[in-house]
Amino acid sequence: MLEQYETLKTLSLIAEDSPKPTQYLCTPRELILRSNADWDKINRDMRTLASEELVEIVPSAAAPLFSITSKGMDKILSLEGKTNYKRK
């Protein structure tokens, strides 16, 4: 799995606990606590994933917020050999 998809997987695990995973806004703190990567790597990965339309980056005064898109959920599921994400 390409390195940025490890970061996508971390975001998907955080978001899946939410009733609407694609609407969940994840903080950098959550990502740092759940990842083995440092912030610089996470930030680079998120920008790459945003260019692939797998995540959205929401600017915020304190720090950016991240959400996984339906396309991002589908990507993680396909990498795991599972069926497509069911939109809620």
N, C-alpha and C. Protein backbone atom coordinates (compact mmCIF):
# COMPACT_ATOMS: atom_id res chain seq x y z
N MET A 1 0.86 -1.18 0.00
CA MET A 1 0.00 0.00 0.00
C MET A 1 0.90 1.23 0.00
N LEU A 2 0.62 2.17 -0.88
CA LEU A 2 1.38 3.40 -0.91
C LEU A 2 1.22 4.12 0.43
N GLU A 3 2.27 4.85 0.81
CA GLU A 3 2.29 5.46 2.13
C GLU A 3 1.10 6.38 2.42
N GLN A 4 0.67 7.16 1.41
CA GLN A 4 -0.44 8.07 1.67
C GLN A 4 -1.72 7.31 1.98
N TYR A 5 -1.83 6.07 1.50
CA TYR A 5 -3.03 5.29 1.78
C TYR A 5 -3.06 4.78 3.21
N GLU A 6 -1.90 4.70 3.85
CA GLU A 6 -1.87 4.39 5.29
C GLU A 6 -2.51 5.54 6.06
N THR A 7 -2.22 6.76 5.65
CA THR A 7 -2.82 7.93 6.28
C THR A 7 -4.31 7.97 5.99
N LEU A 8 -4.70 7.63 4.78
CA LEU A 8 -6.13 7.56 4.44
C LEU A 8 -6.82 6.51 5.29
N LYS A 9 -6.18 5.38 5.51
CA LYS A 9 -6.75 4.32 6.34
C LYS A 9 -6.95 4.81 7.77
N THR A 10 -5.97 5.55 8.29
CA THR A 10 -6.10 6.11 9.63
C THR A 10 -7.30 7.04 9.71
N LEU A 11 -7.46 7.91 8.72
CA LEU A 11 -8.61 8.82 8.70
C LEU A 11 -9.91 8.03 8.61
N SER A 12 -9.93 6.98 7.80
CA SER A 12 -11.17 6.20 7.67
C SER A 12 -11.52 5.51 8.99
N LEU A 13 -10.53 5.04 9.72
CA LEU A 13 -10.79 4.40 11.02
C LEU A 13 -11.34 5.39 12.03
N ILE A 14 -10.83 6.61 12.01
CA ILE A 14 -11.34 7.65 12.91
C ILE A 14 -12.77 8.00 12.53
N ALA A 15 -13.03 8.18 11.24
CA ALA A 15 -14.34 8.63 10.77
C ALA A 15 -15.41 7.56 10.87
N GLU A 16 -15.03 6.28 10.78
CA GLU A 16 -16.04 5.22 10.74
C GLU A 16 -16.85 5.11 12.03
N ASP A 17 -16.35 5.69 13.11
CA ASP A 17 -17.11 5.68 14.37
C ASP A 17 -18.24 6.71 14.36
N SER A 18 -18.23 7.58 13.38
CA SER A 18 -19.23 8.62 13.26
C SER A 18 -20.45 8.09 12.51
N PRO A 19 -21.65 8.59 12.84
CA PRO A 19 -22.84 8.16 12.10
C PRO A 19 -22.77 8.48 10.61
N LYS A 20 -22.07 9.57 10.25
CA LYS A 20 -21.89 9.96 8.85
C LYS A 20 -20.40 10.19 8.61
N PRO A 21 -19.66 9.10 8.32
CA PRO A 21 -18.20 9.20 8.21
C PRO A 21 -17.69 10.26 7.24
N THR A 22 -18.37 10.48 6.14
CA THR A 22 -17.87 11.45 5.16
C THR A 22 -18.14 12.90 5.59
N GLN A 23 -18.89 13.08 6.65
CA GLN A 23 -19.14 14.43 7.16
C GLN A 23 -18.32 14.72 8.42
N TYR A 24 -17.63 13.71 8.92
CA TYR A 24 -16.83 13.89 10.12
C TYR A 24 -15.61 14.75 9.82
N LEU A 25 -15.37 15.76 10.64
CA LEU A 25 -14.21 16.64 10.48
C LEU A 25 -13.15 16.23 11.51
N CYS A 26 -12.08 15.70 11.02
CA CYS A 26 -11.00 15.18 11.85
C CYS A 26 -9.94 16.25 12.08
N THR A 27 -9.46 16.34 13.29
CA THR A 27 -8.42 17.31 13.62
C THR A 27 -7.03 16.71 13.40
N PRO A 28 -6.04 17.57 13.21
CA PRO A 28 -4.67 17.06 13.13
C PRO A 28 -4.28 16.27 14.37
N ARG A 29 -4.74 16.71 15.52
CA ARG A 29 -4.43 16.02 16.78
C ARG A 29 -4.89 14.56 16.74
N GLU A 30 -6.11 14.34 16.28
CA GLU A 30 -6.63 12.97 16.18
C GLU A 30 -5.75 12.12 15.26
N LEU A 31 -5.36 12.69 14.14
CA LEU A 31 -4.52 11.96 13.19
C LEU A 31 -3.15 11.64 13.78
N ILE A 32 -2.56 12.61 14.45
CA ILE A 32 -1.24 12.41 15.05
C ILE A 32 -1.30 11.32 16.12
N LEU A 33 -2.35 11.34 16.94
CA LEU A 33 -2.47 10.35 18.01
C LEU A 33 -2.70 8.94 17.49
N ARG A 34 -3.35 8.81 16.34
CA ARG A 34 -3.68 7.48 15.80
C ARG A 34 -2.70 6.98 14.74
N SER A 35 -1.71 7.79 14.40
CA SER A 35 -0.79 7.44 13.33
C SER A 35 0.62 7.22 13.87
N ASN A 36 1.41 6.46 13.13
CA ASN A 36 2.82 6.30 13.45
C ASN A 36 3.67 7.37 12.78
N ALA A 37 3.05 8.15 11.91
CA ALA A 37 3.77 9.18 11.15
C ALA A 37 3.78 10.50 11.92
N ASP A 38 4.74 11.37 11.58
CA ASP A 38 4.78 12.69 12.19
C ASP A 38 3.87 13.64 11.40
N TRP A 39 3.66 14.83 11.94
CA TRP A 39 2.73 15.77 11.34
C TRP A 39 3.13 16.17 9.92
N ASP A 40 4.42 16.38 9.68
CA ASP A 40 4.85 16.77 8.33
C ASP A 40 4.44 15.73 7.29
N LYS A 41 4.64 14.46 7.61
CA LYS A 41 4.27 13.39 6.69
C LYS A 41 2.75 13.31 6.52
N ILE A 42 2.03 13.39 7.63
CA ILE A 42 0.56 13.35 7.57
C ILE A 42 0.06 14.49 6.69
N ASN A 43 0.59 15.68 6.89
CA ASN A 43 0.17 16.85 6.12
C ASN A 43 0.46 16.67 4.63
N ARG A 44 1.65 16.17 4.28
CA ARG A 44 1.98 15.89 2.87
C ARG A 44 1.02 14.86 2.29
N ASP A 45 0.78 13.79 3.05
CA ASP A 45 -0.14 12.75 2.58
C ASP A 45 -1.53 13.31 2.34
N MET A 46 -2.00 14.14 3.24
CA MET A 46 -3.35 14.71 3.11
C MET A 46 -3.45 15.58 1.86
N ARG A 47 -2.41 16.32 1.57
CA ARG A 47 -2.43 17.16 0.37
C ARG A 47 -2.43 16.30 -0.91
N THR A 48 -1.68 15.22 -0.88
CA THR A 48 -1.69 14.28 -2.01
C THR A 48 -3.07 13.65 -2.15
N LEU A 49 -3.64 13.21 -1.04
CA LEU A 49 -4.96 12.59 -1.07
C LEU A 49 -6.03 13.57 -1.52
N ALA A 50 -5.89 14.83 -1.14
CA ALA A 50 -6.86 15.85 -1.58
C ALA A 50 -6.76 16.04 -3.09
N SER A 51 -5.55 15.97 -3.63
CA SER A 51 -5.40 16.12 -5.08
C SER A 51 -6.03 14.94 -5.83
N GLU A 52 -6.14 13.79 -5.16
CA GLU A 52 -6.80 12.61 -5.73
C GLU A 52 -8.30 12.59 -5.41
N GLU A 53 -8.79 13.64 -4.72
CA GLU A 53 -10.19 13.78 -4.32
C GLU A 53 -10.63 12.67 -3.36
N LEU A 54 -9.69 12.18 -2.55
CA LEU A 54 -10.00 11.13 -1.57
C LEU A 54 -10.28 11.72 -0.20
N VAL A 55 -9.82 12.95 0.02
CA VAL A 55 -10.12 13.68 1.25
C VAL A 55 -10.40 15.13 0.90
N GLU A 56 -11.05 15.80 1.83
CA GLU A 56 -11.25 17.25 1.71
C GLU A 56 -10.53 17.91 2.87
N ILE A 57 -9.87 19.02 2.59
CA ILE A 57 -9.20 19.80 3.62
C ILE A 57 -10.02 21.05 3.84
N VAL A 58 -10.47 21.24 5.07
CA VAL A 58 -11.29 22.40 5.42
C VAL A 58 -10.43 23.37 6.20
N PRO A 59 -10.17 24.55 5.64
CA PRO A 59 -9.36 25.53 6.38
C PRO A 59 -10.08 25.96 7.65
N SER A 60 -9.31 26.17 8.69
CA SER A 60 -9.86 26.60 9.97
C SER A 60 -8.87 27.58 10.59
N ALA A 61 -9.33 28.41 11.50
CA ALA A 61 -8.45 29.40 12.12
C ALA A 61 -7.32 28.73 12.89
N ALA A 62 -7.62 27.70 13.65
CA ALA A 62 -6.60 27.05 14.49
C ALA A 62 -5.74 26.08 13.69
N ALA A 63 -6.38 25.20 12.96
CA ALA A 63 -5.67 24.16 12.19
C ALA A 63 -6.63 23.62 11.15
N PRO A 64 -6.11 23.05 10.06
CA PRO A 64 -7.02 22.48 9.06
C PRO A 64 -7.77 21.28 9.62
N LEU A 65 -8.94 21.05 9.07
CA LEU A 65 -9.74 19.87 9.41
C LEU A 65 -9.81 19.00 8.18
N PHE A 66 -9.94 17.70 8.39
CA PHE A 66 -9.91 16.76 7.28
C PHE A 66 -11.15 15.88 7.30
N SER A 67 -11.70 15.63 6.12
CA SER A 67 -12.80 14.67 6.01
C SER A 67 -12.52 13.74 4.85
N ILE A 68 -12.95 12.52 5.01
CA ILE A 68 -12.78 11.53 3.95
C ILE A 68 -13.98 11.63 3.01
N THR A 69 -13.74 11.53 1.74
CA THR A 69 -14.83 11.59 0.77
C THR A 69 -15.38 10.18 0.51
N SER A 70 -16.50 10.10 -0.16
CA SER A 70 -17.04 8.79 -0.55
C SER A 70 -16.04 8.06 -1.43
N LYS A 71 -15.38 8.81 -2.31
CA LYS A 71 -14.35 8.22 -3.17
C LYS A 71 -13.19 7.66 -2.32
N GLY A 72 -12.85 8.37 -1.25
CA GLY A 72 -11.82 7.89 -0.34
C GLY A 72 -12.22 6.63 0.39
N MET A 73 -13.49 6.57 0.82
CA MET A 73 -14.00 5.36 1.47
C MET A 73 -13.97 4.19 0.49
N ASP A 74 -14.38 4.44 -0.75
CA ASP A 74 -14.35 3.39 -1.77
C ASP A 74 -12.92 2.90 -2.00
N LYS A 75 -11.96 3.82 -2.00
CA LYS A 75 -10.56 3.46 -2.23
C LYS A 75 -10.05 2.54 -1.13
N ILE A 76 -10.32 2.89 0.12
CA ILE A 76 -9.88 2.05 1.25
C ILE A 76 -10.52 0.68 1.16
N LEU A 77 -11.81 0.64 0.89
CA LEU A 77 -12.51 -0.64 0.80
C LEU A 77 -11.96 -1.48 -0.34
N SER A 78 -11.66 -0.86 -1.48
CA SER A 78 -11.13 -1.62 -2.61
C SER A 78 -9.73 -2.16 -2.28
N LEU A 79 -8.91 -1.38 -1.56
CA LEU A 79 -7.59 -1.86 -1.16
C LEU A 79 -7.68 -3.03 -0.20
N GLU A 80 -8.79 -3.08 0.54
CA GLU A 80 -9.01 -4.18 1.49
C GLU A 80 -9.79 -5.33 0.85
N GLY A 81 -10.15 -5.18 -0.42
CA GLY A 81 -10.89 -6.22 -1.12
C GLY A 81 -12.35 -6.32 -0.71
N LYS A 82 -12.90 -5.20 -0.25
CA LYS A 82 -14.30 -5.17 0.19
C LYS A 82 -15.14 -4.43 -0.84
N THR A 83 -16.45 -4.46 -0.66
CA THR A 83 -17.36 -3.79 -1.58
C THR A 83 -17.36 -2.29 -1.34
N ASN A 84 -18.00 -1.56 -2.22
CA ASN A 84 -18.02 -0.10 -2.15
C ASN A 84 -18.75 0.41 -0.92
N TYR A 85 -18.38 1.61 -0.53
CA TYR A 85 -18.95 2.30 0.62
C TYR A 85 -20.43 2.58 0.37
N LYS A 86 -21.24 2.31 1.38
CA LYS A 86 -22.67 2.59 1.31
C LYS A 86 -22.91 4.00 1.84
N ARG A 87 -23.35 4.88 0.95
CA ARG A 87 -23.59 6.27 1.36
C ARG A 87 -24.82 6.34 2.24
N LYS A 88 -24.68 7.14 3.30
CA LYS A 88 -25.80 7.30 4.24
C LYS A 88 -26.51 8.59 4.01
